Amino acid sequence: MGKYEGYMICTDLDGTFTEQSPSGEDKAYVSKENIDAIEIFKAGGGIFTFSTGRRPWYIRENIFPFVTPNAPMITVNGASIYDHESDRILRSVFMPEDAHTAPLTVYEQFKDVLEEVYAVAETEEFCLSYEEENFEEKFRKIITLHDNWYKFVFRCIDEESTLKFQKFLRSKYSENCDLPRSWPTGQEILHITATKGARALELKKMFPSVHTLICVGDFENDISMLEVADRGYAVANAIEPVLKAADFITVANTEAAIAKIISKI
């Protein structure tokens, strides 16, 4: 029996697992300490995977050159579970239809503080600037391209405006939508059950041998999985609500946080 059999690590990417490249390039970087520790963890029977707001193509292109998980991944902030080995989406949770018009509903009141909106479907995504001429008409055309949508991601001009925008969305959509921020100025709308926490529990059930689910995160969209984990870790650079939700606080993402967690098992 391997040292790490029965353990599953499910980690967020940006701000938790990855860090800025030492060369200064604007792309993901994973430290050698994390890479080596994860390979030892997998070789010892551990199950390692990601839980991220990113879509599968991003992970394949930017993260797989460093680390490949040995389990399906939680993608699109809990709206899907993707199996990279079979290249199949195992689980999809789509936004409720009454949220499909949200980018138009907020247009007049918030167009001065919103920079752009991403509409994310199962097979593609679209980005539309709020400064675009005929924004409303263009968005209406986009939304007809798919019957089902995973999420909308709004990028605001600053954090203060984002928090006000989030408060407004909660007054309109909190009954059937999850409304986390993924970074200080990034506000999302998903189905209320499209959370990292719900998908993390599903992943655990896929592997009956797992007795300890370890989840690691840094921002609002990670709180749900820290709450359901057997061991919920916040990196030291996490925001205050994440630090409070965690069972444990480890080092910052720039200090090989995943390697540090593995060393404690």
Protein backbone atom coordinates (compact mmCIF):
# COMPACT_ATOMS: atom_id res chain seq x y z
CA MET A 1 0.00 0.00 0.00
CA GLY A 2 1.42 3.39 -1.04
CA LYS A 3 1.97 6.10 1.51
CA TYR A 4 -0.62 8.39 -0.10
CA GLU A 5 -3.35 5.90 -0.99
CA GLY A 6 -6.75 7.18 0.10
CA TYR A 7 -5.79 10.85 -0.26
CA MET A 8 -7.13 13.15 -2.96
CA ILE A 9 -5.76 16.67 -3.47
CA CYS A 10 -7.98 19.10 -5.37
CA THR A 11 -6.31 22.46 -5.88
CA ASP A 12 -7.28 25.76 -7.40
CA LEU A 13 -4.88 27.08 -10.06
CA ASP A 14 -4.48 30.87 -10.20
CA GLY A 15 -3.13 32.33 -6.97
CA THR A 16 -2.96 28.90 -5.34
CA PHE A 17 -1.01 26.43 -7.45
CA THR A 18 0.50 28.61 -10.17
CA GLU A 19 2.61 31.73 -9.88
CA GLN A 20 4.09 34.31 -12.22
CA SER A 21 6.92 33.11 -14.39
CA PRO A 22 10.40 34.09 -13.06
CA SER A 23 11.18 35.38 -16.55
CA GLY A 24 8.38 37.91 -16.20
CA GLU A 25 6.31 36.38 -18.99
CA ASP A 26 2.56 36.66 -18.62
CA LYS A 27 1.84 32.96 -18.34
CA ALA A 28 1.40 30.28 -15.71
CA TYR A 29 4.40 28.85 -13.91
CA VAL A 30 4.65 25.91 -11.52
CA SER A 31 7.65 25.54 -9.22
CA LYS A 32 9.89 22.49 -9.41
CA GLU A 33 9.16 21.84 -5.73
CA ASN A 34 5.46 21.46 -6.50
CA ILE A 35 6.10 19.35 -9.59
CA ASP A 36 8.42 16.93 -7.78
CA ALA A 37 6.15 16.62 -4.75
CA ILE A 38 3.09 15.89 -6.89
CA GLU A 39 4.88 13.17 -8.85
CA ILE A 40 5.92 11.52 -5.58
CA PHE A 41 2.35 11.88 -4.29
CA LYS A 42 0.89 10.21 -7.39
CA ALA A 43 3.53 7.47 -7.38
CA GLY A 44 2.61 6.77 -3.75
CA GLY A 45 -1.04 6.15 -4.63
CA GLY A 46 -2.37 9.69 -4.17
CA ILE A 47 -5.00 11.20 -6.46
CA PHE A 48 -4.22 14.71 -7.68
CA THR A 49 -6.39 17.05 -9.71
CA PHE A 50 -7.39 20.67 -10.34
CA SER A 51 -10.46 22.72 -9.50
CA THR A 52 -10.47 25.91 -11.51
CA GLY A 53 -12.56 28.54 -13.24
CA ARG A 54 -10.58 27.85 -16.39
CA ARG A 55 -11.81 25.79 -19.33
CA PRO A 56 -10.10 22.47 -20.26
CA TRP A 57 -8.18 23.87 -23.24
CA TYR A 58 -6.38 26.36 -21.00
CA ILE A 59 -5.26 23.63 -18.61
CA ARG A 60 -4.04 21.42 -21.43
CA GLU A 61 -2.02 24.21 -23.02
CA ASN A 62 -0.66 25.96 -19.92
CA ILE A 63 -0.59 23.47 -17.03
CA PHE A 64 -0.04 20.02 -18.57
CA PRO A 65 3.51 20.95 -19.62
CA PHE A 66 4.22 21.03 -15.86
CA VAL A 67 1.80 18.58 -14.23
CA THR A 68 -0.84 16.14 -15.44
CA PRO A 69 -3.52 15.09 -12.95
CA ASN A 70 -4.47 11.44 -12.49
CA ALA A 71 -8.19 12.12 -12.06
CA PRO A 72 -10.86 14.15 -13.86
CA MET A 73 -10.73 17.90 -13.28
CA ILE A 74 -13.27 20.40 -12.00
CA THR A 75 -13.46 23.16 -14.61
CA VAL A 76 -15.43 26.37 -15.22
CA ASN A 77 -15.72 26.99 -11.46
CA GLY A 78 -17.76 23.86 -10.83
CA ALA A 79 -19.97 24.00 -13.92
CA SER A 80 -18.26 20.91 -15.35
CA ILE A 81 -16.12 17.88 -14.63
CA TYR A 82 -13.73 17.06 -17.47
CA ASP A 83 -11.83 13.82 -18.02
CA HIS A 84 -8.64 14.64 -19.92
CA GLU A 85 -7.78 10.98 -20.57
CA SER A 86 -10.93 10.35 -22.61
CA ASP A 87 -11.36 14.01 -23.61
CA ARG A 88 -14.94 13.91 -22.33
CA ILE A 89 -17.05 16.18 -20.18
CA LEU A 90 -18.50 13.95 -17.48
CA ARG A 91 -20.76 16.49 -15.81
CA SER A 92 -22.30 19.78 -16.89
CA VAL A 93 -24.37 22.23 -14.85
CA PHE A 94 -25.80 25.10 -16.87
CA MET A 95 -27.06 28.53 -15.84
CA PRO A 96 -30.82 28.90 -15.37
CA GLU A 97 -32.48 30.47 -18.40
CA ASP A 98 -33.68 33.51 -16.48
CA ALA A 99 -30.03 34.51 -15.97
CA HIS A 100 -29.28 34.52 -19.70
CA THR A 101 -30.32 38.17 -19.97
CA ALA A 102 -28.23 39.34 -16.98
CA PRO A 103 -25.60 41.17 -19.10
CA LEU A 104 -28.45 43.20 -20.62
CA THR A 105 -30.27 43.72 -17.31
CA VAL A 106 -27.19 45.37 -15.80
CA TYR A 107 -26.26 47.35 -18.90
CA GLU A 108 -27.74 50.76 -18.12
CA GLN A 109 -26.90 50.87 -14.42
CA PHE A 110 -23.37 49.45 -14.60
CA LYS A 111 -22.05 50.05 -18.12
CA ASP A 112 -19.65 52.72 -16.83
CA VAL A 113 -17.92 50.29 -14.44
CA LEU A 114 -18.09 47.11 -16.53
CA GLU A 115 -15.27 46.50 -18.99
CA GLU A 116 -16.37 43.26 -20.65
CA VAL A 117 -18.39 40.10 -20.27
CA TYR A 118 -17.39 36.54 -21.17
CA ALA A 119 -20.19 34.15 -22.12
CA VAL A 120 -18.97 30.57 -21.63
CA ALA A 121 -20.68 27.59 -23.29
CA GLU A 122 -19.67 23.95 -23.33
CA THR A 123 -17.70 24.17 -26.57
CA GLU A 124 -16.71 27.82 -26.89
CA GLU A 125 -16.69 31.22 -25.23
CA PHE A 126 -17.27 34.78 -26.38
CA CYS A 127 -15.93 38.08 -25.06
CA LEU A 128 -17.82 41.31 -25.61
CA SER A 129 -16.67 44.75 -24.46
CA TYR A 130 -19.25 46.99 -22.84
CA GLU A 131 -17.77 49.83 -24.91
CA GLU A 132 -18.74 48.05 -28.11
CA GLU A 133 -21.12 49.95 -30.34
CA ASN A 134 -24.54 48.26 -30.31
CA PHE A 135 -23.54 46.11 -27.31
CA GLU A 136 -27.09 44.98 -26.60
CA GLU A 137 -27.77 43.88 -30.16
CA LYS A 138 -24.45 42.01 -30.37
CA PHE A 139 -25.04 40.24 -27.08
CA ARG A 140 -28.54 39.14 -28.12
CA LYS A 141 -26.99 37.50 -31.20
CA ILE A 142 -24.37 35.72 -29.10
CA ILE A 143 -26.89 34.30 -26.66
CA THR A 144 -28.85 32.66 -29.51
CA LEU A 145 -25.81 30.56 -30.50
CA HIS A 146 -26.33 28.04 -27.69
CA ASP A 147 -29.30 26.82 -25.70
CA ASN A 148 -27.16 26.14 -22.65
CA TRP A 149 -24.49 28.32 -21.03
CA TYR A 150 -22.09 27.50 -18.22
CA LYS A 151 -21.52 31.00 -16.92
CA PHE A 152 -21.02 34.70 -17.50
CA VAL A 153 -17.85 36.39 -16.26
CA PHE A 154 -17.90 40.16 -15.83
CA ARG A 155 -14.70 42.18 -15.60
CA CYS A 156 -15.12 45.45 -13.68
CA ILE A 157 -12.87 48.51 -13.53
CA ASP A 158 -11.95 48.17 -9.83
CA GLU A 159 -12.72 46.12 -6.73
CA GLU A 160 -15.05 48.67 -5.13
CA SER A 161 -17.24 48.71 -8.23
CA THR A 162 -17.15 44.92 -8.40
CA LEU A 163 -18.46 44.57 -4.86
CA LYS A 164 -21.34 46.95 -5.60
CA PHE A 165 -22.07 45.03 -8.76
CA GLN A 166 -22.01 41.74 -6.86
CA LYS A 167 -24.49 43.13 -4.32
CA PHE A 168 -26.85 44.08 -7.14
CA LEU A 169 -26.60 40.64 -8.74
CA ARG A 170 -27.35 39.00 -5.41
CA SER A 171 -30.54 41.06 -5.12
CA LYS A 172 -31.65 39.77 -8.52
CA TYR A 173 -30.29 36.25 -8.93
CA SER A 174 -29.27 34.72 -5.60
CA GLU A 175 -32.29 32.39 -5.46
CA ASN A 176 -31.03 30.15 -8.27
CA CYS A 177 -27.52 31.37 -9.10
CA ASP A 178 -24.09 31.17 -7.52
CA LEU A 179 -22.38 34.57 -7.67
CA PRO A 180 -18.70 34.31 -6.68
CA ARG A 181 -15.77 36.50 -7.53
CA SER A 182 -12.82 34.61 -9.00
CA TRP A 183 -10.41 37.53 -8.60
CA PRO A 184 -10.86 41.05 -7.16
CA THR A 185 -12.52 42.49 -10.28
CA GLY A 186 -13.94 39.29 -11.78
CA GLN A 187 -17.62 38.59 -11.04
CA GLU A 188 -19.35 35.40 -12.20
CA ILE A 189 -22.87 34.04 -12.60
CA LEU A 190 -23.41 30.27 -12.55
CA HIS A 191 -26.17 27.86 -11.57
CA ILE A 192 -26.59 27.73 -7.80
CA THR A 193 -25.33 24.13 -7.77
CA ALA A 194 -22.38 24.86 -10.08
CA THR A 195 -19.83 25.15 -7.31
CA LYS A 196 -16.38 23.72 -6.75
CA GLY A 197 -17.63 22.20 -3.51
CA ALA A 198 -20.44 20.21 -5.14
CA ARG A 199 -18.12 18.90 -7.84
CA ALA A 200 -15.37 18.04 -5.33
CA LEU A 201 -17.79 15.79 -3.47
CA GLU A 202 -18.76 14.14 -6.76
CA LEU A 203 -15.11 13.53 -7.57
CA LYS A 204 -14.54 11.95 -4.18
CA LYS A 205 -17.43 9.56 -4.80
CA MET A 206 -15.86 8.51 -8.12
CA PHE A 207 -12.95 7.09 -6.12
CA PRO A 208 -14.34 4.89 -3.31
CA SER A 209 -10.85 4.34 -1.90
CA VAL A 210 -10.50 8.03 -1.02
CA HIS A 211 -10.93 8.65 2.69
CA THR A 212 -9.42 12.15 2.84
CA LEU A 213 -10.30 14.94 0.41
CA ILE A 214 -7.83 17.84 0.61
CA CYS A 215 -8.90 21.07 -1.10
CA VAL A 216 -6.72 24.17 -1.53
CA GLY A 217 -7.72 27.69 -2.58
CA ASP A 218 -7.30 31.42 -2.29
CA PHE A 219 -10.45 33.29 -3.41
CA GLU A 220 -14.26 33.45 -3.06
CA ASN A 221 -14.94 30.77 -5.66
CA ASP A 222 -12.86 28.30 -3.59
CA ILE A 223 -14.78 28.65 -0.32
CA SER A 224 -17.39 26.00 -1.11
CA MET A 225 -14.78 23.29 -1.68
CA LEU A 226 -12.83 24.20 1.45
CA GLU A 227 -16.07 23.83 3.42
CA VAL A 228 -16.78 20.31 2.13
CA ALA A 229 -13.17 19.06 2.26
CA ASP A 230 -11.92 16.73 4.95
CA ARG A 231 -8.97 19.10 5.10
CA GLY A 232 -9.49 22.57 3.68
CA TYR A 233 -6.36 24.62 3.12
CA ALA A 234 -6.01 28.32 2.35
CA VAL A 235 -2.73 29.59 0.97
CA ALA A 236 -1.25 32.42 3.03
CA ASN A 237 -2.01 34.94 0.26
CA ALA A 238 -5.74 34.06 0.30
CA ILE A 239 -8.36 36.70 1.02
CA GLU A 240 -9.78 36.95 4.54
CA PRO A 241 -13.05 35.00 3.99
CA VAL A 242 -11.03 32.08 2.59
CA LEU A 243 -8.63 32.14 5.52
CA LYS A 244 -11.62 31.98 7.87
CA ALA A 245 -13.26 29.12 5.94
CA ALA A 246 -10.12 26.96 5.91
CA ASP A 247 -9.21 24.29 8.43
CA PHE A 248 -5.53 25.08 7.87
CA ILE A 249 -3.43 27.91 6.45
CA THR A 250 -0.32 26.95 4.54
CA VAL A 251 2.41 29.02 2.89
CA ALA A 252 1.79 31.40 -0.03
CA ASN A 253 1.41 30.12 -3.58
CA THR A 254 4.90 31.49 -4.34
CA GLU A 255 6.38 29.17 -1.71
CA ALA A 256 5.38 25.80 -3.21
CA ALA A 257 2.19 25.50 -1.16
CA ILE A 258 1.11 22.12 -2.58
CA ALA A 259 4.53 20.58 -1.82
CA LYS A 260 4.22 21.91 1.72
CA ILE A 261 0.78 20.32 2.14
CA ILE A 262 1.99 16.98 0.81
CA SER A 263 4.89 17.04 3.26
CA LYS A 264 2.35 17.21 6.11
CA ILE A 265 0.47 14.05 5.08
